[in-house]
N, C-alpha and C. Protein backbone atom coordinates (compact mmCIF):
# COMPACT_ATOMS: atom_id res chain seq x y z
N MET A 1 -79.77 -48.64 -37.54
CA MET A 1 -78.43 -48.22 -37.43
C MET A 1 -77.73 -49.79 -37.95
N ARG A 2 -76.86 -49.74 -38.94
CA ARG A 2 -76.10 -50.80 -39.53
C ARG A 2 -75.54 -51.38 -38.65
N PHE A 3 -75.24 -52.85 -38.93
CA PHE A 3 -74.13 -53.39 -37.97
C PHE A 3 -73.00 -53.04 -37.76
N SER A 4 -72.44 -52.43 -38.89
CA SER A 4 -70.95 -51.89 -39.03
C SER A 4 -70.86 -50.79 -38.06
N GLU A 5 -71.95 -50.11 -37.87
CA GLU A 5 -72.09 -48.94 -36.94
C GLU A 5 -72.00 -49.38 -35.73
N ALA A 6 -72.78 -50.41 -35.13
CA ALA A 6 -73.28 -50.60 -33.93
C ALA A 6 -72.14 -51.43 -33.47
N ALA A 7 -71.60 -52.10 -34.17
CA ALA A 7 -70.59 -53.34 -33.60
C ALA A 7 -69.53 -52.73 -32.58
N PRO A 8 -68.85 -51.67 -33.07
CA PRO A 8 -67.96 -50.97 -32.01
C PRO A 8 -68.55 -50.53 -30.85
N ARG A 9 -69.76 -49.95 -30.97
CA ARG A 9 -70.18 -49.51 -29.76
C ARG A 9 -70.81 -50.64 -28.74
N LEU A 10 -71.10 -51.74 -29.40
CA LEU A 10 -71.52 -52.70 -28.60
C LEU A 10 -70.47 -53.47 -27.80
N CYS A 11 -69.29 -53.64 -28.76
CA CYS A 11 -68.10 -54.15 -28.01
C CYS A 11 -67.35 -53.44 -27.05
N LEU A 12 -67.33 -51.99 -27.05
CA LEU A 12 -66.88 -51.12 -26.26
C LEU A 12 -67.92 -51.27 -24.71
N SER A 13 -69.15 -51.35 -25.09
CA SER A 13 -70.04 -51.46 -24.05
C SER A 13 -69.83 -52.72 -23.28
N VAL A 14 -69.63 -53.77 -23.92
CA VAL A 14 -69.34 -54.97 -23.17
C VAL A 14 -68.16 -55.28 -22.65
N ALA A 15 -66.97 -54.65 -23.10
CA ALA A 15 -65.82 -54.59 -22.46
C ALA A 15 -65.61 -53.76 -21.35
N LEU A 16 -66.47 -52.51 -21.29
CA LEU A 16 -66.32 -51.79 -20.16
C LEU A 16 -67.08 -52.53 -19.05
N SER A 17 -68.23 -52.98 -19.28
CA SER A 17 -68.96 -53.79 -18.19
C SER A 17 -68.32 -54.87 -17.62
N ILE A 18 -67.46 -55.56 -18.46
CA ILE A 18 -66.60 -56.78 -17.86
C ILE A 18 -65.70 -56.03 -16.82
N LEU A 19 -64.85 -54.96 -17.45
CA LEU A 19 -63.89 -54.32 -16.50
C LEU A 19 -64.38 -53.79 -15.22
N LEU A 20 -65.50 -53.21 -15.32
CA LEU A 20 -66.32 -52.67 -14.24
C LEU A 20 -66.54 -53.81 -13.12
N LEU A 21 -66.94 -54.97 -13.95
CA LEU A 21 -67.59 -55.69 -12.92
C LEU A 21 -66.23 -56.45 -12.15
N GLY A 22 -65.02 -56.68 -13.01
CA GLY A 22 -63.90 -57.04 -12.24
C GLY A 22 -63.50 -56.26 -11.01
N MET A 23 -63.47 -54.99 -11.38
CA MET A 23 -63.07 -54.01 -10.48
C MET A 23 -64.03 -53.64 -9.31
N SER A 24 -65.01 -54.09 -9.48
CA SER A 24 -66.18 -53.78 -8.50
C SER A 24 -65.85 -54.47 -7.13
N GLY A 25 -65.10 -55.58 -7.13
CA GLY A 25 -64.99 -56.22 -6.00
C GLY A 25 -65.71 -57.63 -6.00
N GLN A 26 -66.63 -57.88 -7.02
CA GLN A 26 -67.37 -58.96 -7.12
C GLN A 26 -66.56 -59.90 -7.67
N ALA A 27 -66.37 -61.12 -6.82
CA ALA A 27 -65.73 -62.23 -7.70
C ALA A 27 -64.38 -62.12 -8.26
N VAL A 28 -63.57 -61.41 -7.48
CA VAL A 28 -62.24 -61.01 -8.02
C VAL A 28 -61.55 -62.28 -7.64
N GLU A 29 -60.72 -62.81 -8.51
CA GLU A 29 -59.89 -64.11 -8.27
C GLU A 29 -58.51 -63.96 -8.38
N ALA A 30 -57.64 -64.83 -7.84
CA ALA A 30 -56.19 -64.90 -7.99
C ALA A 30 -55.84 -66.22 -7.71
N ALA A 31 -54.81 -66.86 -8.59
CA ALA A 31 -54.39 -68.33 -8.41
C ALA A 31 -53.08 -68.11 -8.04
N LEU A 32 -52.65 -69.02 -7.14
CA LEU A 32 -51.22 -69.36 -6.48
C LEU A 32 -50.89 -70.69 -6.56
N GLU A 33 -49.69 -71.02 -6.18
CA GLU A 33 -49.07 -72.11 -6.00
C GLU A 33 -47.99 -72.40 -4.65
N PHE A 34 -48.53 -73.39 -3.99
CA PHE A 34 -47.81 -73.82 -2.94
C PHE A 34 -46.37 -74.55 -3.45
N SER A 35 -45.33 -73.90 -3.51
CA SER A 35 -44.21 -74.45 -4.18
C SER A 35 -42.92 -74.63 -3.15
N LEU A 36 -43.11 -74.26 -2.00
CA LEU A 36 -42.04 -74.10 -0.92
C LEU A 36 -42.81 -75.30 0.04
N GLY A 37 -41.47 -76.12 0.38
CA GLY A 37 -41.65 -77.19 1.39
C GLY A 37 -40.75 -77.31 2.18
N ASN A 38 -40.87 -77.54 3.70
CA ASN A 38 -39.56 -77.84 4.77
C ASN A 38 -39.42 -79.31 4.75
N GLN A 39 -39.77 -80.02 4.02
CA GLN A 39 -39.53 -81.61 3.88
C GLN A 39 -39.32 -81.83 2.44
N PRO A 40 -38.52 -82.98 2.28
CA PRO A 40 -38.12 -83.29 0.66
C PRO A 40 -39.58 -84.13 0.19
N PHE A 41 -40.76 -83.42 -0.07
CA PHE A 41 -41.92 -84.10 -0.40
C PHE A 41 -41.68 -84.52 -1.97
N GLY A 42 -40.97 -83.76 -2.71
CA GLY A 42 -40.76 -84.02 -4.18
C GLY A 42 -40.93 -82.78 -4.99
N THR A 43 -41.22 -83.03 -6.27
CA THR A 43 -41.15 -81.98 -7.00
C THR A 43 -42.35 -81.07 -7.00
N PRO A 44 -42.25 -79.61 -6.53
CA PRO A 44 -43.26 -78.76 -6.63
C PRO A 44 -43.96 -78.54 -7.89
N PRO A 45 -45.11 -77.73 -8.07
CA PRO A 45 -46.01 -77.44 -6.98
C PRO A 45 -46.71 -78.77 -6.29
N TYR A 46 -46.82 -78.48 -4.82
CA TYR A 46 -47.58 -79.55 -3.99
C TYR A 46 -49.16 -79.31 -4.14
N ALA A 47 -49.40 -78.02 -4.15
CA ALA A 47 -50.97 -77.57 -4.31
C ALA A 47 -51.16 -76.38 -4.76
N GLU A 48 -52.35 -76.10 -5.03
CA GLU A 48 -52.71 -74.82 -5.53
C GLU A 48 -53.76 -74.13 -4.80
N LEU A 49 -53.58 -72.72 -4.83
CA LEU A 49 -54.62 -71.77 -3.94
C LEU A 49 -55.40 -70.69 -4.97
N ASP A 50 -56.56 -70.90 -4.94
CA ASP A 50 -57.48 -69.94 -5.44
C ASP A 50 -58.11 -69.05 -4.44
N ILE A 51 -58.02 -67.70 -4.70
CA ILE A 51 -58.70 -66.75 -3.62
C ILE A 51 -59.55 -65.96 -4.35
N THR A 52 -60.81 -66.00 -3.92
CA THR A 52 -62.07 -65.20 -4.22
C THR A 52 -62.31 -64.17 -3.23
N ALA A 53 -62.51 -62.80 -3.83
CA ALA A 53 -62.65 -61.78 -2.65
C ALA A 53 -63.76 -60.75 -3.37
N SER A 54 -64.64 -60.43 -2.37
CA SER A 54 -65.65 -59.54 -2.84
C SER A 54 -65.91 -58.27 -1.69
N THR A 55 -65.79 -57.22 -2.32
CA THR A 55 -66.00 -55.86 -1.27
C THR A 55 -67.49 -55.81 -1.37
N ILE A 56 -68.40 -56.49 -2.04
CA ILE A 56 -69.87 -56.37 -2.13
C ILE A 56 -70.33 -57.21 -0.96
N THR A 57 -69.88 -58.62 -0.77
CA THR A 57 -70.37 -59.26 0.47
C THR A 57 -69.44 -59.18 1.48
N GLY A 58 -67.94 -58.79 1.38
CA GLY A 58 -67.23 -58.75 2.78
C GLY A 58 -66.59 -60.09 2.81
N GLN A 59 -66.62 -60.90 1.86
CA GLN A 59 -66.04 -62.40 2.05
C GLN A 59 -64.88 -62.61 1.32
N VAL A 60 -63.95 -63.53 1.68
CA VAL A 60 -62.79 -63.94 0.97
C VAL A 60 -62.78 -65.23 1.31
N THR A 61 -62.43 -65.94 0.21
CA THR A 61 -62.51 -67.59 0.12
C THR A 61 -61.20 -67.74 -0.30
N PHE A 62 -60.55 -68.90 0.51
CA PHE A 62 -59.40 -69.59 0.07
C PHE A 62 -59.71 -71.05 -0.13
N ASP A 63 -59.52 -71.44 -1.61
CA ASP A 63 -59.61 -72.94 -1.85
C ASP A 63 -58.22 -73.50 -2.07
N VAL A 64 -57.98 -74.51 -1.51
CA VAL A 64 -56.71 -75.27 -1.72
C VAL A 64 -56.98 -76.51 -2.11
N GLN A 65 -56.01 -76.89 -3.39
CA GLN A 65 -56.26 -78.26 -3.89
C GLN A 65 -54.89 -78.94 -4.18
N THR A 66 -54.56 -80.09 -3.69
CA THR A 66 -53.32 -80.65 -4.06
C THR A 66 -53.23 -80.82 -5.62
N THR A 67 -52.04 -80.89 -5.97
CA THR A 67 -51.92 -80.94 -7.47
C THR A 67 -52.01 -82.63 -7.67
N SER A 68 -52.08 -83.18 -8.74
CA SER A 68 -52.32 -84.55 -9.21
C SER A 68 -51.15 -85.35 -8.69
N ALA A 69 -49.83 -84.83 -8.62
CA ALA A 69 -48.93 -85.71 -8.21
C ALA A 69 -48.81 -85.87 -6.67
N TYR A 70 -49.58 -85.27 -5.86
CA TYR A 70 -49.69 -85.29 -4.45
C TYR A 70 -51.19 -85.67 -3.94
N SER A 71 -51.95 -86.31 -4.97
CA SER A 71 -53.15 -86.83 -4.60
C SER A 71 -53.24 -87.62 -3.40
N GLY A 72 -54.02 -87.66 -2.58
CA GLY A 72 -54.22 -88.68 -1.33
C GLY A 72 -53.39 -87.87 -0.07
N TYR A 73 -52.65 -86.97 -0.30
CA TYR A 73 -52.09 -86.18 0.93
C TYR A 73 -53.11 -85.50 1.59
N LYS A 74 -52.73 -85.38 2.91
CA LYS A 74 -53.71 -84.59 3.81
C LYS A 74 -53.21 -83.29 4.31
N MET A 75 -54.05 -82.37 4.54
CA MET A 75 -53.43 -81.19 5.19
C MET A 75 -54.31 -80.59 6.29
N LEU A 76 -53.95 -79.98 7.18
CA LEU A 76 -54.56 -79.29 8.30
C LEU A 76 -54.06 -77.93 8.53
N GLY A 77 -55.04 -77.03 8.82
CA GLY A 77 -54.67 -75.65 9.22
C GLY A 77 -54.26 -74.62 8.09
N PHE A 78 -54.44 -73.43 8.20
CA PHE A 78 -53.97 -72.65 7.10
C PHE A 78 -53.69 -71.24 7.78
N GLY A 79 -52.49 -70.94 7.11
CA GLY A 79 -51.87 -69.26 7.84
C GLY A 79 -51.88 -68.48 6.67
N PHE A 80 -52.15 -67.21 7.07
CA PHE A 80 -52.30 -66.25 6.34
C PHE A 80 -52.07 -64.81 6.73
N ASN A 81 -51.72 -63.62 6.16
CA ASN A 81 -51.47 -62.53 6.59
C ASN A 81 -52.63 -61.34 5.89
N SER A 82 -52.56 -60.36 6.50
CA SER A 82 -53.35 -59.12 5.91
C SER A 82 -52.58 -57.87 6.08
N LEU A 83 -52.46 -57.02 5.05
CA LEU A 83 -51.97 -55.74 5.09
C LEU A 83 -52.82 -54.94 6.07
N ALA A 84 -54.02 -54.90 5.77
CA ALA A 84 -55.04 -54.09 6.64
C ALA A 84 -55.62 -54.81 7.83
N ASP A 85 -55.81 -54.17 9.04
CA ASP A 85 -56.49 -54.63 10.22
C ASP A 85 -57.68 -55.43 9.59
N ILE A 86 -57.86 -56.65 10.10
CA ILE A 86 -59.06 -57.29 9.94
C ILE A 86 -59.82 -58.01 11.05
N THR A 87 -59.19 -57.39 12.31
CA THR A 87 -59.75 -58.01 13.55
C THR A 87 -61.08 -57.94 13.68
N GLY A 88 -61.74 -58.97 14.06
CA GLY A 88 -63.13 -59.34 14.25
C GLY A 88 -64.06 -59.90 13.14
N PHE A 89 -63.07 -60.32 12.17
CA PHE A 89 -63.63 -61.29 11.17
C PHE A 89 -64.11 -62.58 11.91
N THR A 90 -65.22 -63.37 11.01
CA THR A 90 -65.83 -64.49 11.54
C THR A 90 -65.40 -65.66 10.61
N LEU A 91 -65.65 -66.74 10.73
CA LEU A 91 -65.24 -67.95 9.83
C LEU A 91 -66.81 -68.13 9.08
N ALA A 92 -67.02 -67.96 8.03
CA ALA A 92 -68.27 -68.23 7.38
C ALA A 92 -68.31 -69.66 6.82
N SER A 93 -67.39 -70.26 6.63
CA SER A 93 -67.35 -71.74 6.11
C SER A 93 -65.74 -72.24 6.55
N ILE A 94 -65.81 -73.50 7.27
CA ILE A 94 -64.69 -74.10 7.30
C ILE A 94 -64.66 -75.75 6.71
N PRO A 95 -63.54 -76.21 6.82
CA PRO A 95 -63.39 -77.76 6.23
C PRO A 95 -64.07 -78.61 7.06
N LEU A 96 -63.79 -78.53 8.40
CA LEU A 96 -64.66 -79.34 9.48
C LEU A 96 -64.95 -78.55 10.72
N PRO A 97 -65.81 -79.02 11.46
CA PRO A 97 -66.11 -78.30 12.57
C PRO A 97 -65.09 -78.07 13.65
N SER A 98 -64.02 -78.87 13.51
CA SER A 98 -62.95 -78.65 14.51
C SER A 98 -62.00 -77.64 14.07
N TRP A 99 -62.21 -77.01 12.83
CA TRP A 99 -61.27 -75.86 12.35
C TRP A 99 -61.64 -74.61 13.00
N THR A 100 -61.63 -74.27 14.08
CA THR A 100 -62.11 -73.15 14.87
C THR A 100 -61.19 -72.40 15.69
N VAL A 101 -60.09 -72.98 15.79
CA VAL A 101 -59.10 -72.23 16.43
C VAL A 101 -58.25 -71.24 15.57
N ILE A 102 -58.43 -69.81 16.22
CA ILE A 102 -57.93 -68.85 15.36
C ILE A 102 -56.94 -68.35 16.34
N SER A 103 -55.49 -68.41 15.67
CA SER A 103 -54.44 -67.74 16.62
C SER A 103 -53.90 -66.54 15.73
N ALA A 104 -53.39 -65.59 16.44
CA ALA A 104 -52.70 -64.56 15.84
C ALA A 104 -51.23 -64.61 16.14
N GLY A 105 -50.31 -64.15 15.21
CA GLY A 105 -49.12 -64.16 15.25
C GLY A 105 -48.39 -65.55 15.29
N ALA A 106 -48.99 -66.52 14.96
CA ALA A 106 -48.48 -67.87 15.19
C ALA A 106 -47.12 -68.33 14.25
N GLN A 107 -46.33 -69.06 15.04
CA GLN A 107 -44.99 -69.60 14.12
C GLN A 107 -45.57 -70.81 13.24
N GLN A 108 -44.98 -70.87 12.12
CA GLN A 108 -45.40 -71.95 11.35
C GLN A 108 -44.11 -72.76 10.76
N ASP A 109 -43.38 -73.37 11.74
CA ASP A 109 -42.24 -74.32 11.44
C ASP A 109 -41.46 -73.75 10.17
N GLY A 110 -40.90 -72.98 10.40
CA GLY A 110 -39.66 -72.18 9.42
C GLY A 110 -40.06 -71.43 8.32
N PHE A 111 -41.31 -71.00 8.19
CA PHE A 111 -42.07 -70.26 7.38
C PHE A 111 -42.27 -68.89 7.94
N GLY A 112 -42.06 -68.83 9.37
CA GLY A 112 -42.32 -67.45 9.87
C GLY A 112 -43.49 -67.36 10.78
N ASN A 113 -43.76 -66.22 11.41
CA ASN A 113 -44.84 -65.89 12.12
C ASN A 113 -46.15 -65.22 10.91
N PHE A 114 -47.31 -65.96 11.18
CA PHE A 114 -48.37 -65.47 10.34
C PHE A 114 -49.18 -64.60 11.12
N ASP A 115 -49.80 -63.69 10.62
CA ASP A 115 -50.87 -62.85 11.18
C ASP A 115 -52.00 -63.55 11.96
N TRP A 116 -52.59 -64.57 11.10
CA TRP A 116 -53.62 -65.64 11.44
C TRP A 116 -53.33 -66.98 10.88
N VAL A 117 -53.65 -67.95 11.91
CA VAL A 117 -53.72 -69.34 11.84
C VAL A 117 -55.15 -69.94 12.14
N ILE A 118 -55.66 -70.48 11.00
CA ILE A 118 -56.85 -71.34 11.40
C ILE A 118 -56.48 -72.72 11.39
N ASP A 119 -56.79 -73.38 12.48
CA ASP A 119 -56.32 -74.83 12.90
C ASP A 119 -57.38 -75.57 13.76
N ALA A 120 -57.29 -76.64 14.04
CA ALA A 120 -57.75 -77.42 14.99
C ALA A 120 -57.04 -77.43 16.30
N SER A 121 -57.62 -77.91 17.42
CA SER A 121 -57.04 -77.81 18.75
C SER A 121 -55.71 -78.92 18.82
N ASN A 122 -56.21 -80.05 17.97
CA ASN A 122 -54.81 -81.03 17.88
C ASN A 122 -54.71 -81.47 16.40
N SER A 123 -53.74 -82.23 16.24
CA SER A 123 -53.39 -82.81 14.82
C SER A 123 -53.86 -84.16 14.44
N SER A 124 -54.80 -84.50 15.34
CA SER A 124 -55.28 -86.08 14.99
C SER A 124 -55.78 -86.16 13.52
N GLY A 125 -55.92 -87.41 13.13
CA GLY A 125 -56.06 -87.82 11.70
C GLY A 125 -57.61 -87.37 11.35
N SER A 126 -58.39 -87.28 12.31
CA SER A 126 -59.80 -86.90 12.19
C SER A 126 -59.99 -85.44 11.88
N ASN A 127 -58.96 -84.65 12.14
CA ASN A 127 -59.06 -83.27 11.97
C ASN A 127 -58.31 -82.95 10.79
N ARG A 128 -57.67 -83.80 9.97
CA ARG A 128 -57.09 -83.52 8.55
C ARG A 128 -58.04 -83.89 7.45
N VAL A 129 -57.75 -82.98 6.33
CA VAL A 129 -58.58 -83.10 5.23
C VAL A 129 -57.73 -83.51 4.07
N THR A 130 -58.49 -84.63 3.14
CA THR A 130 -57.61 -85.13 2.02
C THR A 130 -57.84 -84.21 0.78
N ASP A 131 -56.78 -84.04 -0.03
CA ASP A 131 -56.71 -83.29 -1.30
C ASP A 131 -57.22 -81.90 -1.32
N ALA A 132 -57.98 -81.63 -0.43
CA ALA A 132 -58.70 -80.03 -0.68
C ALA A 132 -59.34 -79.53 0.47
N PHE A 133 -59.43 -78.34 0.65
CA PHE A 133 -60.18 -77.61 1.61
C PHE A 133 -60.49 -76.26 1.33
N SER A 134 -61.54 -75.72 1.79
CA SER A 134 -62.11 -74.35 1.49
C SER A 134 -62.24 -73.32 2.68
N ILE A 135 -61.75 -72.47 3.09
CA ILE A 135 -62.20 -71.74 4.12
C ILE A 135 -62.71 -70.15 3.69
N THR A 136 -63.74 -69.71 4.45
CA THR A 136 -64.17 -68.45 3.80
C THR A 136 -64.39 -67.53 5.11
N LEU A 137 -63.85 -66.27 4.95
CA LEU A 137 -63.85 -65.41 5.96
C LEU A 137 -64.77 -64.41 5.57
N GLN A 138 -65.56 -63.88 6.76
CA GLN A 138 -66.54 -62.81 6.58
C GLN A 138 -65.93 -61.56 7.44
N LEU A 139 -65.68 -60.69 6.64
CA LEU A 139 -64.97 -59.39 7.15
C LEU A 139 -66.00 -58.57 7.66
N THR A 140 -65.78 -57.69 8.89
CA THR A 140 -66.74 -56.68 9.24
C THR A 140 -66.58 -55.52 8.57
N ASP A 141 -65.44 -55.23 7.85
CA ASP A 141 -65.12 -54.06 7.07
C ASP A 141 -65.11 -54.69 5.71
N PHE A 142 -66.30 -54.57 4.77
CA PHE A 142 -66.37 -55.09 3.53
C PHE A 142 -65.28 -54.41 2.54
N SER A 143 -64.71 -53.10 2.74
CA SER A 143 -63.96 -52.61 1.84
C SER A 143 -62.53 -53.32 2.04
N LYS A 144 -62.04 -54.16 3.07
CA LYS A 144 -60.89 -54.93 3.06
C LYS A 144 -60.89 -56.29 2.36
N ALA A 145 -62.08 -56.68 1.95
CA ALA A 145 -62.00 -58.01 1.35
C ALA A 145 -61.89 -58.05 -0.12
N THR A 146 -60.57 -57.83 -0.38
CA THR A 146 -59.58 -57.80 -1.47
C THR A 146 -58.63 -58.71 -1.52
N VAL A 147 -58.47 -59.19 -2.80
CA VAL A 147 -57.13 -60.21 -2.85
C VAL A 147 -55.93 -59.67 -2.54
N ALA A 148 -55.65 -58.14 -2.97
CA ALA A 148 -54.38 -57.46 -2.66
C ALA A 148 -54.24 -57.40 -1.12
N ASN A 149 -55.25 -57.25 -0.23
CA ASN A 149 -55.13 -57.20 1.12
C ASN A 149 -54.46 -58.55 1.79
N PHE A 150 -54.63 -59.64 1.13
CA PHE A 150 -53.85 -60.83 1.87
C PHE A 150 -52.52 -61.20 1.07
N LEU A 151 -52.18 -60.43 0.06
CA LEU A 151 -50.79 -60.72 -0.37
C LEU A 151 -49.62 -60.20 0.32
N LYS A 152 -49.62 -60.53 1.77
CA LYS A 152 -48.50 -59.99 2.75
C LYS A 152 -47.74 -61.18 3.01
N ALA A 153 -46.50 -61.01 3.19
CA ALA A 153 -45.59 -62.14 3.64
C ALA A 153 -45.58 -62.40 5.15
N SER A 154 -45.12 -63.35 5.59
CA SER A 154 -44.89 -63.78 6.93
C SER A 154 -44.10 -62.80 7.67
N ASP A 155 -43.93 -62.91 8.79
CA ASP A 155 -42.90 -61.98 9.75
C ASP A 155 -43.22 -60.55 9.34
N ASN A 156 -44.31 -60.00 9.37
CA ASN A 156 -44.58 -58.68 9.16
C ASN A 156 -44.23 -58.22 7.72
N ASN A 157 -44.35 -58.84 6.75
CA ASN A 157 -44.12 -58.75 5.29
C ASN A 157 -42.57 -58.77 5.15
N THR A 158 -41.87 -59.73 5.95
CA THR A 158 -40.49 -59.69 5.44
C THR A 158 -39.79 -61.20 5.35
N GLY A 159 -40.82 -62.11 5.66
CA GLY A 159 -40.76 -63.32 5.64
C GLY A 159 -40.77 -63.98 4.44
N PRO A 160 -40.62 -65.35 4.18
CA PRO A 160 -40.58 -66.12 3.07
C PRO A 160 -41.83 -66.59 2.34
N ALA A 161 -42.96 -66.37 3.03
CA ALA A 161 -44.34 -67.19 2.57
C ALA A 161 -45.52 -66.26 2.84
N LEU A 162 -46.52 -66.54 1.85
CA LEU A 162 -47.66 -65.50 1.96
C LEU A 162 -48.75 -66.22 2.54
N PHE A 163 -48.81 -67.83 2.54
CA PHE A 163 -49.72 -68.72 2.79
C PHE A 163 -49.01 -70.07 3.31
N VAL A 164 -49.69 -70.79 4.19
CA VAL A 164 -48.86 -71.81 4.69
C VAL A 164 -49.94 -72.99 5.07
N THR A 165 -49.74 -74.22 5.11
CA THR A 165 -50.53 -75.36 5.62
C THR A 165 -49.63 -76.53 5.92
N HIS A 166 -50.19 -77.19 6.87
CA HIS A 166 -49.50 -78.42 7.09
C HIS A 166 -49.74 -79.50 6.42
N PHE A 167 -48.81 -80.31 5.84
CA PHE A 167 -48.85 -81.38 4.79
C PHE A 167 -48.62 -82.53 5.39
N TYR A 168 -49.33 -83.53 4.99
CA TYR A 168 -49.26 -85.06 5.52
C TYR A 168 -49.10 -86.09 4.19
N PRO A 169 -47.83 -86.34 4.06
CA PRO A 169 -47.73 -87.42 2.82
C PRO A 169 -48.44 -88.77 3.19
N VAL A 170 -48.77 -89.64 2.03
CA VAL A 170 -49.32 -90.58 2.40
C VAL A 170 -48.32 -91.44 3.33
N SER A 171 -47.02 -91.51 3.04
CA SER A 171 -45.91 -91.95 3.83
C SER A 171 -44.89 -91.08 4.05
N GLY A 172 -44.28 -91.26 5.19
CA GLY A 172 -43.00 -90.48 5.39
C GLY A 172 -43.35 -89.19 6.43
N ASP A 173 -42.38 -88.39 6.40
CA ASP A 173 -42.45 -87.38 7.38
C ASP A 173 -43.39 -86.17 6.91
N THR A 174 -44.16 -85.76 7.93
CA THR A 174 -45.05 -84.56 7.82
C THR A 174 -44.28 -83.29 7.77
N GLY A 175 -44.89 -82.03 7.30
CA GLY A 175 -44.14 -80.95 7.31
C GLY A 175 -45.05 -79.83 6.66
N PHE A 176 -44.59 -78.75 6.38
CA PHE A 176 -45.34 -77.57 5.86
C PHE A 176 -45.01 -77.24 4.59
N ILE A 177 -45.97 -76.87 3.72
CA ILE A 177 -45.79 -76.28 2.48
C ILE A 177 -46.59 -74.88 2.50
N ALA A 178 -45.87 -73.92 1.48
CA ALA A 178 -46.19 -72.72 1.62
C ALA A 178 -46.00 -72.03 0.04
N VAL A 179 -46.88 -70.82 0.08
CA VAL A 179 -46.93 -70.15 -1.00
C VAL A 179 -45.84 -68.99 -0.93
N PRO A 180 -44.63 -68.93 -1.93
CA PRO A 180 -43.44 -68.04 -1.75
C PRO A 180 -43.99 -66.56 -1.60
N ALA A 181 -43.30 -65.88 -0.95
CA ALA A 181 -43.64 -64.37 -0.78
C ALA A 181 -43.49 -63.76 -2.20
N ALA A 182 -42.62 -64.26 -3.06
CA ALA A 182 -42.43 -63.63 -4.45
C ALA A 182 -43.55 -63.90 -5.54
N ALA A 183 -44.56 -64.81 -5.16
CA ALA A 183 -45.55 -65.16 -6.13
C ALA A 183 -46.37 -64.22 -6.62
N VAL A 184 -46.57 -64.11 -7.89
CA VAL A 184 -47.54 -63.24 -8.38
C VAL A 184 -48.73 -63.69 -8.91
N PRO A 185 -49.94 -63.48 -8.45
CA PRO A 185 -51.36 -64.18 -8.75
C PRO A 185 -51.44 -63.98 -10.25
N GLU A 186 -51.94 -64.93 -11.01
CA GLU A 186 -52.52 -64.71 -12.18
C GLU A 186 -53.49 -63.66 -12.38
N ALA A 187 -53.61 -63.14 -13.49
CA ALA A 187 -54.46 -62.27 -13.99
C ALA A 187 -55.94 -62.66 -13.98
N THR A 188 -56.99 -61.89 -13.39
CA THR A 188 -58.41 -62.36 -13.10
C THR A 188 -58.87 -62.41 -14.53
N ALA A 189 -59.88 -63.37 -14.59
CA ALA A 189 -60.55 -63.75 -16.04
C ALA A 189 -61.55 -62.40 -16.26
N PHE A 190 -62.06 -61.92 -15.46
CA PHE A 190 -62.95 -60.69 -15.66
C PHE A 190 -61.78 -59.45 -16.56
N LEU A 191 -60.60 -59.22 -15.95
CA LEU A 191 -59.79 -58.25 -16.20
C LEU A 191 -59.26 -58.74 -17.90
N VAL A 192 -58.97 -60.02 -17.95
CA VAL A 192 -58.48 -60.49 -19.20
C VAL A 192 -59.58 -60.41 -20.35
N TRP A 193 -60.61 -60.75 -20.17
CA TRP A 193 -61.93 -60.90 -20.98
C TRP A 193 -62.07 -59.16 -21.33
N GLY A 194 -62.00 -58.29 -20.45
CA GLY A 194 -62.23 -56.91 -20.48
C GLY A 194 -61.13 -56.38 -21.41
N LEU A 195 -59.90 -56.65 -21.25
CA LEU A 195 -58.83 -56.02 -22.14
C LEU A 195 -58.90 -56.63 -23.65
N ILE A 196 -59.50 -57.95 -23.64
CA ILE A 196 -59.77 -58.55 -24.96
C ILE A 196 -60.73 -57.62 -25.69
N GLY A 197 -61.67 -57.28 -25.03
CA GLY A 197 -63.02 -56.50 -25.65
C GLY A 197 -62.29 -55.30 -26.07
N LEU A 198 -61.65 -54.62 -25.30
CA LEU A 198 -61.43 -53.21 -25.51
C LEU A 198 -60.10 -53.42 -26.75
N ALA A 199 -59.57 -54.35 -26.84
CA ALA A 199 -58.56 -54.47 -28.04
C ALA A 199 -59.08 -54.59 -29.38
N CYS A 200 -60.48 -55.29 -29.43
CA CYS A 200 -61.24 -55.44 -30.72
C CYS A 200 -61.83 -54.20 -31.21
N ILE A 201 -61.72 -53.14 -30.45
CA ILE A 201 -62.34 -51.65 -30.83
C ILE A 201 -61.69 -51.25 -32.09
N PRO A 202 -60.35 -51.14 -32.06
CA PRO A 202 -59.75 -50.55 -33.35
C PRO A 202 -60.04 -51.42 -34.77
N ALA A 203 -60.01 -52.78 -34.46
CA ALA A 203 -60.53 -53.72 -35.52
C ALA A 203 -61.79 -53.34 -36.05
N LEU A 204 -62.69 -53.09 -35.21
CA LEU A 204 -64.15 -53.06 -35.62
C LEU A 204 -64.21 -51.74 -36.10
N MET A 205 -63.59 -50.69 -35.70
CA MET A 205 -63.58 -49.31 -36.31
C MET A 205 -63.24 -49.21 -37.68
N ARG A 206 -62.05 -50.23 -37.80
CA ARG A 206 -61.53 -50.07 -39.24
C ARG A 206 -62.54 -50.91 -40.21
N PHE A 207 -63.12 -52.05 -39.54
CA PHE A 207 -64.35 -52.49 -40.49
C PHE A 207 -65.35 -51.65 -40.78
N ARG A 208 -65.98 -50.67 -39.80
CA ARG A 208 -66.90 -49.78 -39.92
C ARG A 208 -66.59 -48.86 -41.13
N THR A 209 -65.29 -48.36 -41.03
CA THR A 209 -64.90 -47.44 -42.07
C THR A 209 -64.74 -48.16 -43.43
N PHE A 210 -64.24 -49.21 -43.50
CA PHE A 210 -64.18 -50.15 -44.87
C PHE A 210 -65.67 -50.17 -45.38
N SER A 211 -66.59 -50.57 -44.56
CA SER A 211 -67.84 -51.00 -45.07
C SER A 211 -68.57 -50.03 -45.47
N SER A 212 -68.22 -48.55 -45.08
CA SER A 212 -69.10 -47.48 -45.20
C SER A 212 -68.53 -46.79 -46.59
N THR A 213 -67.37 -47.47 -47.13
CA THR A 213 -66.92 -46.78 -48.47
C THR A 213 -67.25 -47.37 -49.53
């Protein structure tokens, strides 16, 4: 089989494989920004949030990183919501051993009540993390480990924020920062590359037709 005949088939096969991988629940990602603050911290965004979810492992990971303008700031606790009931989840990984307090329906200072808040028993300096932290949930029902399941706003989906954390400036008053409820995650890398692959099919088909004439 000549390359001109095989290329479209190969491109289609690769594109479909990438799309299926992205849709299978393995390593599906979303990127969001903490752009709300209840103190005059400065110009947002204050931090970035990457969510990785897999229905294969049943795990959901939240990676929070301050933006360069807020390097050196500390954070403590993480509030989130879920559209489907995830009662019974465990903490597969936490930033510090003290982050083991799981509260349901906790108020987060102006940003509403969150279904779940992972926190320490007190806000002492030793319980705060600088610049970044990561939390991984292990869900008992693997099918609920999707990014979409956690895109729910506070106050039972009527509040202003999707996610929240306590923010500690290098100097000045502390407060909370949050991801706004209207935030839309960036497209996943898997889906983007899969769509690019599909888009190249017509061009390669034209190339095949041209080369065979």
